[in-house]
Amino acid sequence: MRMGIIADIHGNDVALRAVLKDADRLAVDSWWALSDLVLFGPRPAEVLELLRGLPGIRMLRGNTDRYVLTGEQPAPHATATDAVGSVDLVQRYGAVAAAIGWTRGVLDQAGSLAVLDHLPTQLRLQLPSGAAVLGVHASPRADDGQGIEPDVLDAQLRPLLAECDADVVIGGHTHVATDRLLDGIRVLNPGSVGIPRTCGTAGWLLLEDNGDSLSVDQRSVPFNVDAVAKDLYQRRHPNADFASSILTGQRPQVRDQSNA
């Protein structure tokens, strides 16, 4: 059995297509998509269409998918603060609210908004070898907040995994590829497809179970960042400046308002 694991696609169909092309030659039997599927990228409807066409696909609803459904949003986190520099928080909140509304409108027009509404918050599977696998977005405890990454302390990660009833826990959210062992639990993160920490390199995970043992292949594949950024502006995405700055690793230009 071979299963592909992807997460944090964020409406980036260019990066998703690159991952799927990489997977074509690997005989993937089934897929898990661990949420944050649509918000911030230029092609949320196309991403959902691609995902729904994958063999054996099972999907989660993550925190940003929840924002699209409910309109809520969190306080700006470190990544957002670093990316926008000195941009006023009122402007930042307004931009995120506009992105949520834009994404919701695109999905509603395409007739695919209801796809998010029916997604679970966890996935479970027993592998041929007998290992129990749990799929989540951030952690078994929540779809936001502390997640799975290489540098989080054992003391911080341990309570998130308590009573998870799984041999393998796989989560996204942090956008950082991870493979570690804690208290006998294999803890994995495929990294991000759509907004990777390494600019222009989409991450995904290939699990292979032959009935005796489990192997894990952390994979990465380049994609055309400039094409995604161009598409954001052509589609008049209200958060194009912010999303492009994250994708390219460049701070957006901040307008000098001293003479305004």
C-alpha atoms as a PDB file:
ATOM      1  CA  MET A   1       0.000   0.000   0.000  1.00  0.00           C
ATOM      2  CA  ARG A   2       1.256   3.466  -0.918  1.00  0.00           C
ATOM      3  CA  MET A   3      -0.429   6.573   0.412  1.00  0.00           C
ATOM      4  CA  GLY A   4       0.344  10.194  -0.397  1.00  0.00           C
ATOM      5  CA  ILE A   5      -0.037  12.764   2.380  1.00  0.00           C
ATOM      6  CA  ILE A   6      -0.396  16.465   1.574  1.00  0.00           C
ATOM      7  CA  ALA A   7      -1.274  19.492   3.679  1.00  0.00           C
ATOM      8  CA  ASP A   8      -1.503  23.267   3.588  1.00  0.00           C
ATOM      9  CA  ILE A   9      -2.243  23.641  -0.105  1.00  0.00           C
ATOM     10  CA  HIS A  10      -3.764  27.102   0.424  1.00  0.00           C
ATOM     11  CA  GLY A  11      -5.421  27.415  -2.980  1.00  0.00           C
ATOM     12  CA  ASN A  12      -2.137  26.962  -4.874  1.00  0.00           C
ATOM     13  CA  ASP A  13      -3.001  24.718  -7.809  1.00  0.00           C
ATOM     14  CA  VAL A  14       0.405  25.184  -9.472  1.00  0.00           C
ATOM     15  CA  ALA A  15       2.198  23.645  -6.495  1.00  0.00           C
ATOM     16  CA  LEU A  16      -0.421  20.895  -6.152  1.00  0.00           C
ATOM     17  CA  ARG A  17      -0.063  19.942  -9.820  1.00  0.00           C
ATOM     18  CA  ALA A  18       3.719  19.731  -9.342  1.00  0.00           C
ATOM     19  CA  VAL A  19       3.253  17.345  -6.411  1.00  0.00           C
ATOM     20  CA  LEU A  20       0.797  15.185  -8.330  1.00  0.00           C
ATOM     21  CA  LYS A  21       3.172  15.005 -11.289  1.00  0.00           C
ATOM     22  CA  ASP A  22       5.928  13.847  -8.943  1.00  0.00           C
ATOM     23  CA  ALA A  23       3.555  11.204  -7.553  1.00  0.00           C
ATOM     24  CA  ASP A  24       2.528   9.890 -10.987  1.00  0.00           C
ATOM     25  CA  ARG A  25       5.505   7.546 -11.235  1.00  0.00           C
ATOM     26  CA  LEU A  26       5.232   6.272  -7.652  1.00  0.00           C
ATOM     27  CA  ALA A  27       2.002   4.259  -7.922  1.00  0.00           C
ATOM     28  CA  VAL A  28       0.180   6.021  -5.088  1.00  0.00           C
ATOM     29  CA  ASP A  29      -2.943   4.060  -4.121  1.00  0.00           C
ATOM     30  CA  SER A  30      -4.702   6.653  -1.976  1.00  0.00           C
ATOM     31  CA  TRP A  31      -4.364  10.165  -0.591  1.00  0.00           C
ATOM     32  CA  TRP A  32      -4.905  12.142   2.592  1.00  0.00           C
ATOM     33  CA  ALA A  33      -5.166  15.948   2.445  1.00  0.00           C
ATOM     34  CA  LEU A  34      -4.659  17.336   5.944  1.00  0.00           C
ATOM     35  CA  SER A  35      -6.485  20.612   5.363  1.00  0.00           C
ATOM     36  CA  ASP A  36      -5.836  24.307   4.931  1.00  0.00           C
ATOM     37  CA  LEU A  37      -6.955  23.592   1.401  1.00  0.00           C
ATOM     38  CA  VAL A  38      -8.129  26.874  -0.105  1.00  0.00           C
ATOM     39  CA  LEU A  39      -7.406  30.172   1.681  1.00  0.00           C
ATOM     40  CA  PHE A  40      -4.788  32.693   0.381  1.00  0.00           C
ATOM     41  CA  GLY A  41      -4.090  31.163  -3.047  1.00  0.00           C
ATOM     42  CA  PRO A  42      -5.567  32.218  -6.404  1.00  0.00           C
ATOM     43  CA  ARG A  43      -7.296  28.934  -7.311  1.00  0.00           C
ATOM     44  CA  PRO A  44      -9.332  27.512  -4.412  1.00  0.00           C
ATOM     45  CA  ALA A  45     -12.019  25.904  -6.589  1.00  0.00           C
ATOM     46  CA  GLU A  46      -9.454  24.292  -8.887  1.00  0.00           C
ATOM     47  CA  VAL A  47      -7.601  22.865  -5.882  1.00  0.00           C
ATOM     48  CA  LEU A  48     -10.750  21.224  -4.541  1.00  0.00           C
ATOM     49  CA  GLU A  49     -11.528  19.830  -7.993  1.00  0.00           C
ATOM     50  CA  LEU A  50      -8.051  18.321  -8.276  1.00  0.00           C
ATOM     51  CA  LEU A  51      -8.235  16.839  -4.793  1.00  0.00           C
ATOM     52  CA  ARG A  52     -11.642  15.291  -5.312  1.00  0.00           C
ATOM     53  CA  GLY A  53     -10.329  13.499  -8.409  1.00  0.00           C
ATOM     54  CA  LEU A  54      -7.516  11.706  -6.558  1.00  0.00           C
ATOM     55  CA  PRO A  55      -7.785   7.957  -5.873  1.00  0.00           C
ATOM     56  CA  GLY A  56      -9.029   7.111  -2.401  1.00  0.00           C
ATOM     57  CA  ILE A  57      -8.913  10.773  -1.332  1.00  0.00           C
ATOM     58  CA  ARG A  58      -9.848  11.664   2.242  1.00  0.00           C
ATOM     59  CA  MET A  59      -9.695  15.282   3.387  1.00  0.00           C
ATOM     60  CA  LEU A  60      -9.720  17.203   6.663  1.00  0.00           C
ATOM     61  CA  ARG A  61     -11.004  20.647   7.549  1.00  0.00           C
ATOM     62  CA  GLY A  62      -8.315  22.869   9.099  1.00  0.00           C
ATOM     63  CA  ASN A  63      -8.312  26.260  10.767  1.00  0.00           C
ATOM     64  CA  THR A  64      -8.211  28.336   7.558  1.00  0.00           C
ATOM     65  CA  ASP A  65     -10.923  26.204   5.984  1.00  0.00           C
ATOM     66  CA  ARG A  66     -12.957  26.945   9.102  1.00  0.00           C
ATOM     67  CA  TYR A  67     -12.307  30.672   8.629  1.00  0.00           C
ATOM     68  CA  VAL A  68     -13.711  30.488   5.096  1.00  0.00           C
ATOM     69  CA  LEU A  69     -16.864  28.842   6.431  1.00  0.00           C
ATOM     70  CA  THR A  70     -17.370  31.065   9.498  1.00  0.00           C
ATOM     71  CA  GLY A  71     -15.611  34.354   8.691  1.00  0.00           C
ATOM     72  CA  GLU A  72     -13.541  34.212  11.885  1.00  0.00           C
ATOM     73  CA  GLN A  73      -9.781  34.769  11.905  1.00  0.00           C
ATOM     74  CA  PRO A  74      -6.984  34.502  14.477  1.00  0.00           C
ATOM     75  CA  ALA A  75      -4.698  37.187  15.823  1.00  0.00           C
ATOM     76  CA  PRO A  76      -1.738  37.739  13.446  1.00  0.00           C
ATOM     77  CA  HIS A  77       0.956  35.136  14.112  1.00  0.00           C
ATOM     78  CA  ALA A  78       4.721  35.319  13.760  1.00  0.00           C
ATOM     79  CA  THR A  79       4.863  34.397  10.073  1.00  0.00           C
ATOM     80  CA  ALA A  80       2.339  37.062   9.156  1.00  0.00           C
ATOM     81  CA  THR A  81       4.011  39.692  11.325  1.00  0.00           C
ATOM     82  CA  ASP A  82       7.433  38.975   9.849  1.00  0.00           C
ATOM     83  CA  ALA A  83       6.101  39.082   6.312  1.00  0.00           C
ATOM     84  CA  VAL A  84       4.272  42.369   6.531  1.00  0.00           C
ATOM     85  CA  GLY A  85       6.809  44.220   8.650  1.00  0.00           C
ATOM     86  CA  SER A  86       5.343  47.521   9.799  1.00  0.00           C
ATOM     87  CA  VAL A  87       1.948  47.195   8.092  1.00  0.00           C
ATOM     88  CA  ASP A  88      -0.776  48.444  10.411  1.00  0.00           C
ATOM     89  CA  LEU A  89      -2.721  45.642  12.120  1.00  0.00           C
ATOM     90  CA  VAL A  90      -6.028  47.218  11.119  1.00  0.00           C
ATOM     91  CA  GLN A  91      -4.911  46.933   7.494  1.00  0.00           C
ATOM     92  CA  ARG A  92      -3.755  43.349   8.113  1.00  0.00           C
ATOM     93  CA  TYR A  93      -7.091  42.286   9.632  1.00  0.00           C
ATOM     94  CA  GLY A  94      -8.943  43.936   6.771  1.00  0.00           C
ATOM     95  CA  ALA A  95      -6.837  42.148   4.176  1.00  0.00           C
ATOM     96  CA  VAL A  96      -7.399  38.735   5.761  1.00  0.00           C
ATOM     97  CA  ALA A  97     -11.138  39.374   6.052  1.00  0.00           C
ATOM     98  CA  ALA A  98     -11.193  40.331   2.375  1.00  0.00           C
ATOM     99  CA  ALA A  99      -9.286  37.161   1.439  1.00  0.00           C
ATOM    100  CA  ILE A 100     -11.747  35.042   3.385  1.00  0.00           C
ATOM    101  CA  GLY A 101     -14.678  36.724   1.656  1.00  0.00           C
ATOM    102  CA  TRP A 102     -13.061  36.438  -1.777  1.00  0.00           C
ATOM    103  CA  THR A 103     -12.329  32.732  -1.307  1.00  0.00           C
ATOM    104  CA  ARG A 104     -15.812  32.032  -0.003  1.00  0.00           C
ATOM    105  CA  GLY A 105     -17.307  33.838  -2.995  1.00  0.00           C
ATOM    106  CA  VAL A 106     -15.188  31.912  -5.500  1.00  0.00           C
ATOM    107  CA  LEU A 107     -16.128  28.577  -3.930  1.00  0.00           C
ATOM    108  CA  ASP A 108     -19.784  29.500  -3.648  1.00  0.00           C
ATOM    109  CA  GLN A 109     -19.885  30.521  -7.316  1.00  0.00           C
ATOM    110  CA  ALA A 110     -18.203  27.243  -8.286  1.00  0.00           C
ATOM    111  CA  GLY A 111     -20.672  25.242  -6.192  1.00  0.00           C
ATOM    112  CA  SER A 112     -17.901  23.733  -4.055  1.00  0.00           C
ATOM    113  CA  LEU A 113     -18.238  25.620  -0.759  1.00  0.00           C
ATOM    114  CA  ALA A 114     -20.284  22.763   0.724  1.00  0.00           C
ATOM    115  CA  VAL A 115     -17.271  20.461   0.285  1.00  0.00           C
ATOM    116  CA  LEU A 116     -15.601  22.191   3.242  1.00  0.00           C
ATOM    117  CA  ASP A 117     -18.714  22.039   5.365  1.00  0.00           C
ATOM    118  CA  HIS A 118     -18.770  18.248   5.455  1.00  0.00           C
ATOM    119  CA  LEU A 119     -15.091  17.556   6.153  1.00  0.00           C
ATOM    120  CA  PRO A 120     -14.057  15.872   9.431  1.00  0.00           C
ATOM    121  CA  THR A 121     -11.373  17.164  11.798  1.00  0.00           C
ATOM    122  CA  GLN A 122      -9.548  13.819  12.081  1.00  0.00           C
ATOM    123  CA  LEU A 123      -8.817  10.807   9.868  1.00  0.00           C
ATOM    124  CA  ARG A 124      -7.977   7.279  11.032  1.00  0.00           C
ATOM    125  CA  LEU A 125      -6.598   4.246   9.244  1.00  0.00           C
ATOM    126  CA  GLN A 126      -5.109   0.871  10.141  1.00  0.00           C
ATOM    127  CA  LEU A 127      -2.203  -0.037   7.871  1.00  0.00           C
ATOM    128  CA  PRO A 128      -1.602  -3.583   6.565  1.00  0.00           C
ATOM    129  CA  SER A 129       1.201  -3.966   9.136  1.00  0.00           C
ATOM    130  CA  GLY A 130      -1.311  -3.222  11.890  1.00  0.00           C
ATOM    131  CA  ALA A 131      -0.106   0.292  12.704  1.00  0.00           C
ATOM    132  CA  ALA A 132      -2.879   2.723  13.636  1.00  0.00           C
ATOM    133  CA  VAL A 133      -2.532   6.087  11.867  1.00  0.00           C
ATOM    134  CA  LEU A 134      -4.186   9.339  12.945  1.00  0.00           C
ATOM    135  CA  GLY A 135      -4.358  12.329  10.607  1.00  0.00           C
ATOM    136  CA  VAL A 136      -4.957  15.817  12.016  1.00  0.00           C
ATOM    137  CA  HIS A 137      -4.299  19.394  11.020  1.00  0.00           C
ATOM    138  CA  ALA A 138      -2.350  21.021  13.875  1.00  0.00           C
ATOM    139  CA  SER A 139      -2.582  18.331  16.567  1.00  0.00           C
ATOM    140  CA  PRO A 140      -5.023  15.754  17.970  1.00  0.00           C
ATOM    141  CA  ARG A 141      -6.143  18.494  20.372  1.00  0.00           C
ATOM    142  CA  ALA A 142      -6.965  21.358  17.995  1.00  0.00           C
ATOM    143  CA  ASP A 143      -6.867  22.600  14.397  1.00  0.00           C
ATOM    144  CA  ASP A 144      -4.766  25.643  15.390  1.00  0.00           C
ATOM    145  CA  GLY A 145      -2.035  26.594  17.857  1.00  0.00           C
ATOM    146  CA  GLN A 146       1.004  24.431  18.546  1.00  0.00           C
ATOM    147  CA  GLY A 147       1.638  21.852  15.870  1.00  0.00           C
ATOM    148  CA  ILE A 148       4.111  19.213  14.779  1.00  0.00           C
ATOM    149  CA  GLU A 149       7.590  20.431  13.849  1.00  0.00           C
ATOM    150  CA  PRO A 150      11.185  19.309  14.397  1.00  0.00           C
ATOM    151  CA  ASP A 151      12.143  21.878  17.032  1.00  0.00           C
ATOM    152  CA  VAL A 152       9.124  21.797  19.350  1.00  0.00           C
ATOM    153  CA  LEU A 153      10.164  20.445  22.741  1.00  0.00           C
ATOM    154  CA  ASP A 154       9.059  16.969  23.789  1.00  0.00           C
ATOM    155  CA  ALA A 155       7.444  18.542  26.843  1.00  0.00           C
ATOM    156  CA  GLN A 156       5.274  20.693  24.575  1.00  0.00           C
ATOM    157  CA  LEU A 157       4.418  17.968  22.075  1.00  0.00           C
ATOM    158  CA  ARG A 158       3.714  15.192  24.601  1.00  0.00           C
ATOM    159  CA  PRO A 159       0.408  16.612  25.962  1.00  0.00           C
ATOM    160  CA  LEU A 160      -0.837  17.174  22.407  1.00  0.00           C
ATOM    161  CA  LEU A 161      -0.403  13.464  21.692  1.00  0.00           C
ATOM    162  CA  ALA A 162      -1.802  12.194  25.000  1.00  0.00           C
ATOM    163  CA  GLU A 163      -4.491   9.541  24.536  1.00  0.00           C
ATOM    164  CA  CYS A 164      -4.322   9.850  20.732  1.00  0.00           C
ATOM    165  CA  ASP A 165      -4.690   6.051  20.423  1.00  0.00           C
ATOM    166  CA  ALA A 166      -2.382   5.849  17.413  1.00  0.00           C
ATOM    167  CA  ASP A 167       1.022   4.477  16.478  1.00  0.00           C
ATOM    168  CA  VAL A 168       1.559   7.178  13.855  1.00  0.00           C
ATOM    169  CA  VAL A 169       0.284  10.769  14.048  1.00  0.00           C
ATOM    170  CA  ILE A 170       0.491  12.965  10.941  1.00  0.00           C
ATOM    171  CA  GLY A 171      -0.284  16.690  11.002  1.00  0.00           C
ATOM    172  CA  GLY A 172       0.318  19.799   8.941  1.00  0.00           C
ATOM    173  CA  HIS A 173      -0.226  23.434  10.013  1.00  0.00           C
ATOM    174  CA  THR A 174       3.396  24.376  10.753  1.00  0.00           C
ATOM    175  CA  HIS A 175       4.519  23.990   7.105  1.00  0.00           C
ATOM    176  CA  VAL A 176       7.692  22.205   8.307  1.00  0.00           C
ATOM    177  CA  ALA A 177       8.526  18.627   7.253  1.00  0.00           C
ATOM    178  CA  THR A 178       8.974  16.458  10.350  1.00  0.00           C
ATOM    179  CA  ASP A 179       9.779  12.855  11.208  1.00  0.00           C
ATOM    180  CA  ARG A 180      10.402  12.086  14.868  1.00  0.00           C
ATOM    181  CA  LEU A 181       9.642   9.496  17.533  1.00  0.00           C
ATOM    182  CA  LEU A 182       8.108  10.413  20.883  1.00  0.00           C
ATOM    183  CA  ASP A 183       7.063   7.866  23.506  1.00  0.00           C
ATOM    184  CA  GLY A 184       6.788   5.181  20.840  1.00  0.00           C
ATOM    185  CA  ILE A 185       4.629   7.310  18.521  1.00  0.00           C
ATOM    186  CA  ARG A 186       5.940   8.157  15.029  1.00  0.00           C
ATOM    187  CA  VAL A 187       5.150  11.855  14.536  1.00  0.00           C
ATOM    188  CA  LEU A 188       5.125  13.155  10.956  1.00  0.00           C
ATOM    189  CA  ASN A 189       4.480  16.356   9.041  1.00  0.00           C
ATOM    190  CA  PRO A 190       4.547  16.446   5.219  1.00  0.00           C
ATOM    191  CA  GLY A 191       5.390  20.158   5.081  1.00  0.00           C
ATOM    192  CA  SER A 192       3.336  22.544   2.963  1.00  0.00           C
ATOM    193  CA  VAL A 193       2.328  22.173  -0.661  1.00  0.00           C
ATOM    194  CA  GLY A 194       1.116  25.710  -1.295  1.00  0.00           C
ATOM    195  CA  ILE A 195       3.045  28.007   1.076  1.00  0.00           C
ATOM    196  CA  PRO A 196       6.277  26.148   1.877  1.00  0.00           C
ATOM    197  CA  ARG A 197       8.925  27.502   4.233  1.00  0.00           C
ATOM    198  CA  THR A 198      11.488  26.851   1.488  1.00  0.00           C
ATOM    199  CA  CYS A 199      10.287  29.187  -1.243  1.00  0.00           C
ATOM    200  CA  GLY A 200       9.195  27.456  -4.435  1.00  0.00           C
ATOM    201  CA  THR A 201       9.524  23.898  -3.110  1.00  0.00           C
ATOM    202  CA  ALA A 202       6.319  22.004  -2.320  1.00  0.00           C
ATOM    203  CA  GLY A 203       6.551  19.270   0.296  1.00  0.00           C
ATOM    204  CA  TRP A 204       4.618  16.032   0.552  1.00  0.00           C
ATOM    205  CA  LEU A 205       4.899  12.628   2.187  1.00  0.00           C
ATOM    206  CA  LEU A 206       4.790   9.101   0.767  1.00  0.00           C
ATOM    207  CA  LEU A 207       3.883   6.282   3.169  1.00  0.00           C
ATOM    208  CA  GLU A 208       4.523   2.705   2.057  1.00  0.00           C
ATOM    209  CA  ASP A 209       3.395  -0.309   4.089  1.00  0.00           C
ATOM    210  CA  ASN A 210       4.185  -3.798   2.775  1.00  0.00           C
ATOM    211  CA  GLY A 211       2.371  -5.622   5.569  1.00  0.00           C
ATOM    212  CA  ASP A 212       5.498  -6.041   7.664  1.00  0.00           C
ATOM    213  CA  SER A 213       6.834  -2.517   8.107  1.00  0.00           C
ATOM    214  CA  LEU A 214       6.186   1.146   7.356  1.00  0.00           C
ATOM    215  CA  SER A 215       8.540   3.336   5.317  1.00  0.00           C
ATOM    216  CA  VAL A 216       8.334   7.117   5.055  1.00  0.00           C
ATOM    217  CA  ASP A 217       9.627   9.197   2.162  1.00  0.00           C
ATOM    218  CA  GLN A 218       9.714  12.964   2.719  1.00  0.00           C
ATOM    219  CA  ARG A 219       9.563  14.462  -0.758  1.00  0.00           C
ATOM    220  CA  SER A 220       9.898  17.957  -2.186  1.00  0.00           C
ATOM    221  CA  VAL A 221       9.320  19.295  -5.679  1.00  0.00           C
ATOM    222  CA  PRO A 222       9.883  22.738  -7.246  1.00  0.00           C
ATOM    223  CA  PHE A 223       7.013  24.809  -8.614  1.00  0.00           C
ATOM    224  CA  ASN A 224       6.725  28.104 -10.465  1.00  0.00           C
ATOM    225  CA  VAL A 225       6.346  30.743  -7.736  1.00  0.00           C
ATOM    226  CA  ASP A 226       6.220  33.622 -10.229  1.00  0.00           C
ATOM    227  CA  ALA A 227       3.264  32.032 -12.019  1.00  0.00           C
ATOM    228  CA  VAL A 228       1.327  31.811  -8.741  1.00  0.00           C
ATOM    229  CA  ALA A 229       2.140  35.406  -7.803  1.00  0.00           C
ATOM    230  CA  LYS A 230       1.107  36.616 -11.265  1.00  0.00           C
ATOM    231  CA  ASP A 231      -2.155  34.690 -11.014  1.00  0.00           C
ATOM    232  CA  LEU A 232      -2.929  36.283  -7.641  1.00  0.00           C
ATOM    233  CA  TYR A 233      -2.802  39.752  -9.210  1.00  0.00           C
ATOM    234  CA  GLN A 234      -4.605  38.730 -12.394  1.00  0.00           C
ATOM    235  CA  ARG A 235      -7.411  37.287 -10.294  1.00  0.00           C
ATOM    236  CA  ARG A 236      -7.469  40.510  -8.233  1.00  0.00           C
ATOM    237  CA  HIS A 237      -7.021  38.596  -5.034  1.00  0.00           C
ATOM    238  CA  PRO A 238      -7.412  41.123  -2.189  1.00  0.00           C
ATOM    239  CA  ASN A 239      -4.463  39.636  -0.308  1.00  0.00           C
ATOM    240  CA  ALA A 240      -2.130  39.384  -3.308  1.00  0.00           C
ATOM    241  CA  ASP A 241       0.640  41.506  -1.757  1.00  0.00           C
ATOM    242  CA  PHE A 242       0.774  39.445   1.435  1.00  0.00           C
ATOM    243  CA  ALA A 243       0.427  36.053  -0.260  1.00  0.00           C
ATOM    244  CA  SER A 244       3.108  36.932  -2.829  1.00  0.00           C
ATOM    245  CA  SER A 245       5.474  38.079  -0.092  1.00  0.00           C
ATOM    246  CA  ILE A 246       5.154  34.729   1.677  1.00  0.00           C
ATOM    247  CA  LEU A 247       5.569  32.732  -1.541  1.00  0.00           C
ATOM    248  CA  THR A 248       8.620  34.648  -2.727  1.00  0.00           C
ATOM    249  CA  GLY A 249      10.160  35.369   0.666  1.00  0.00           C
ATOM    250  CA  GLN A 250      10.176  39.097  -0.065  1.00  0.00           C
ATOM    251  CA  ARG A 251       8.554  41.785   2.069  1.00  0.00           C
ATOM    252  CA  PRO A 252       5.814  43.736   0.305  1.00  0.00           C
ATOM    253  CA  GLN A 253       6.366  47.404  -0.350  1.00  0.00           C
ATOM    254  CA  VAL A 254       4.925  49.488   2.498  1.00  0.00           C
ATOM    255  CA  ARG A 255       3.585  52.853   1.414  1.00  0.00           C
ATOM    256  CA  ASP A 256       5.093  55.842   3.254  1.00  0.00           C
ATOM    257  CA  GLN A 257       2.190  57.625   4.927  1.00  0.00           C
ATOM    258  CA  SER A 258       4.262  60.317   6.648  1.00  0.00           C
ATOM    259  CA  ASN A 259       3.021  62.957   4.186  1.00  0.00           C
ATOM    260  CA  ALA A 260      -0.489  61.571   3.850  1.00  0.00           C
END
